[in-house]
Amino acid sequence: MRSVEVLPARVRRGDVIAVGGVPHRVRDVRELRGRRRRLEFEDGNVFVLGPWVTIRVRRERTAAGGPVHR
């Protein structure tokens, strides 16, 4: 896993985001009006981000060091 800062448009399925200090794995990402993003986590919780909020995510890497695409 590596930690990166991204804008909501760059959040991907499988990313892990800490909300209130609790890690949540992203199951689905959908675009809403106003370029906001609706993140659905594996535990069923939902979080909506504005388009210009920078967040830190943990992202899995392959054995070769590249990102894992889900």
Protein backbone atom coordinates (compact mmCIF):
# COMPACT_ATOMS: atom_id res chain seq x y z
CA MET A 1 0.00 0.00 0.00
CA ARG A 2 1.10 3.54 -0.65
CA SER A 3 -0.43 6.80 0.50
CA VAL A 4 -1.26 9.53 -2.02
CA GLU A 5 -3.16 12.83 -1.99
CA VAL A 6 -5.85 13.08 -4.68
CA LEU A 7 -8.83 15.17 -5.71
CA PRO A 8 -12.18 13.34 -5.59
CA ALA A 9 -12.14 12.83 -9.38
CA ARG A 10 -9.09 10.56 -8.90
CA VAL A 11 -10.56 8.30 -6.19
CA ARG A 12 -10.82 4.69 -7.40
CA ARG A 13 -12.54 1.53 -6.30
CA GLY A 14 -10.33 -0.27 -3.79
CA ASP A 15 -8.81 2.91 -2.33
CA VAL A 16 -8.85 3.10 1.47
CA ILE A 17 -9.92 6.41 3.02
CA ALA A 18 -9.90 7.22 6.73
CA VAL A 19 -13.08 9.02 7.79
CA GLY A 20 -12.94 10.14 11.41
CA GLY A 21 -9.84 7.99 11.85
CA VAL A 22 -11.67 4.84 10.70
CA PRO A 23 -10.40 3.26 7.45
CA HIS A 24 -13.01 2.49 4.78
CA ARG A 25 -12.42 0.69 1.45
CA VAL A 26 -14.20 2.27 -1.54
CA ARG A 27 -16.62 -0.12 -3.27
CA ASP A 28 -18.13 2.34 -5.79
CA VAL A 29 -17.57 5.91 -7.00
CA ARG A 30 -20.29 7.91 -8.76
CA GLU A 31 -20.35 11.44 -10.09
CA LEU A 32 -23.09 13.75 -8.82
CA ARG A 33 -24.21 17.19 -9.96
CA GLY A 34 -21.64 19.90 -9.45
CA ARG A 35 -18.74 17.45 -10.03
CA ARG A 36 -19.17 16.07 -6.53
CA ARG A 37 -18.33 12.41 -5.95
CA ARG A 38 -20.41 9.88 -4.03
CA LEU A 39 -18.18 7.25 -2.44
CA GLU A 40 -19.82 4.02 -1.31
CA PHE A 41 -17.73 1.96 1.07
CA GLU A 42 -17.67 -1.83 1.48
CA ASP A 43 -19.39 -1.49 4.87
CA GLY A 44 -22.36 0.29 3.22
CA ASN A 45 -21.53 3.80 4.42
CA VAL A 46 -21.65 6.65 1.91
CA PHE A 47 -19.57 9.84 1.77
CA VAL A 48 -19.99 12.78 -0.64
CA LEU A 49 -16.99 14.94 -1.54
CA GLY A 50 -16.90 18.35 -3.19
CA PRO A 51 -14.78 18.63 -6.37
CA TRP A 52 -11.88 20.62 -4.86
CA VAL A 53 -11.27 18.76 -1.59
CA THR A 54 -7.86 17.10 -1.47
CA ILE A 55 -7.90 13.82 0.43
CA ARG A 56 -5.30 11.21 1.36
CA VAL A 57 -5.98 7.66 0.21
CA ARG A 58 -4.09 4.41 0.63
CA ARG A 59 -3.79 2.54 -2.63
CA GLU A 60 -2.62 -1.03 -3.30
CA ARG A 61 0.35 -1.65 -5.57
CA THR A 62 1.19 -4.63 -7.77
CA ALA A 63 4.37 -6.67 -7.30
CA ALA A 64 5.94 -4.51 -10.05
CA GLY A 65 5.11 -1.37 -8.05
CA GLY A 66 2.31 -0.07 -10.27
CA PRO A 67 -1.26 0.64 -9.11
CA VAL A 68 -3.85 -2.14 -8.85
CA HIS A 69 -6.85 -1.43 -11.10
CA ARG A 70 -10.20 -2.76 -9.95
